[in-house]
Amino acid sequence: MARRPKGSGGLRNLSGDRWQVTVYVGGKRLTRVYTARNATEANRSADAVRTALLADRALSAGAGDAEREARQKWTVEQYARYYLREWAPRKLEATTRERYRQVIEKQIVPHLGKKLMSEVTVMDIVKWQDTLAQDGQRAYGGRLSSGTITKVHNVLGAIFSFAVDVQEDFPKNPVHSTNAKPKAKLDDHPQEDSPKIRALTVTDVSRFVELARAEEAPEVFAGVLLSARLGLRRGEALAVQWRDIDFDARRVTIRRAISQAPAGERVEGQKRVTVVDAKLTKTEKVRNIPIGEQMIAELRAIQKRQATVRLGQAYVTATADGSPLKPEDYTSRFRALAKRHKLTVTPHVLRHSWCSQMISLGYDAVTIASMSGHSPDVLLKIYGHAFEKRRREAVDAYDDAWKVASGAR
């Protein structure tokens, strides 16, 4: 091994005729590999390699500084579109990107779009929130609730976080200021006994499942059955494959979800394209859900029917050629069925009803969360109203036990 004099960087032999020069600029380590027949030749060439490395670094830094200087003059609208193009595809799922795009187009650009990123203040953000609360969605049906304003606020925060923390174009993020945080309103929160989404009873769900069995194509019925009986998310129900079902162990393994990129996803200058793909579940965790004899019989019947009509044998909820059903197609058929029978039910209502039914049966949050894919904390937050009855029963039971213990003394 040969080294340069102290202060001029390092030189070492990697293997054979491959040598590496190392220099430090502004605390950053820069390296370049080159070839030389021996240590003498490597030392002779090191200065030239080091000079070229530093020149390339300076050129690159200059280009980066120029780009940063240009971005620092961008408006909120320009930076938002840059965020959607460069960063969102790396960090967000397709459906989330589409939701962000809609928020940017409808609630951010019309109000803050023309303002320079560098000039956005906490007061600007507070006034923007006030505007959204009054007429933020006038063209679409009225004011925005404080919960929706918080979600919109978070999208703006993501754009500024990208600008400040990733690109380092600005020194601070005004959206993250405590004073810029939206204030929740009491009338935006439902009472504990009046949740926003009405849970169906077991009888209601069973009736809907039977309607799906009688009127819809077999593949739609399978998705309805999986959501109703196992509490699956729509994409999870559509992604279940026969290999995920262990009839002997009486369980279904949930390991993926079907994702569909909305029509809003487009490549610049090209026609909009819809993409259907299988991805990890929302929480990126695999979970096992036990199934009973009745559910096993239902699944066996679906499997037998698929074999009869020669569907592909991969997906439980499959199209005629065996490919997974598109989420939008499934939802469209689902809604048509509900509309024909004048029922207020969606795929998510089936999942919500399953969770509520499990709570009413007396099962704890940890058990239910392990099957639904929620975290226990999230489950308690969403279904706190449903657990209220169980809390009351627990207190009364403890009170009775206390009376018995007191009487025994």
Foldseek 3Di string as FASTA:
>chain_A
DDFDPPPLFGKDDPDQQKIKTWDADPNDIDMDIDGDRDDVRCVVCRVVVSVVRVVVVVVVVVVLVVVLVVLQFAFLQVLLVVCLVPPCVVPHDQVVSVVLVVLCVQQNCVQRRRHGPQPDALVSLQVSLVCQQACSPVVPPGHDALVVSQVSLVSSQVSQCCSCVVSVSYPDRRSPDPSSHGDHDPVVDDDLQDAPFDADDLVVLVVLLVLCVPPHDLLLSQLSLCCQQQLEASQQSLQFWPVQQDVVQQKGKGFKGKDWRDQPDDDPPDHGDIDIDIGGPPVNDIAMDGHDPVVSVVLVVLQVVCVVLVADRTTSNADSNNHGDDSVVSQVVSVVSCVVVVHPDGSNSSSVNVLLVCVVVPDALPVSCRRNVHHSVVSCVNNVSSCPVVVVVVVVVVVVVVVVVVVVD
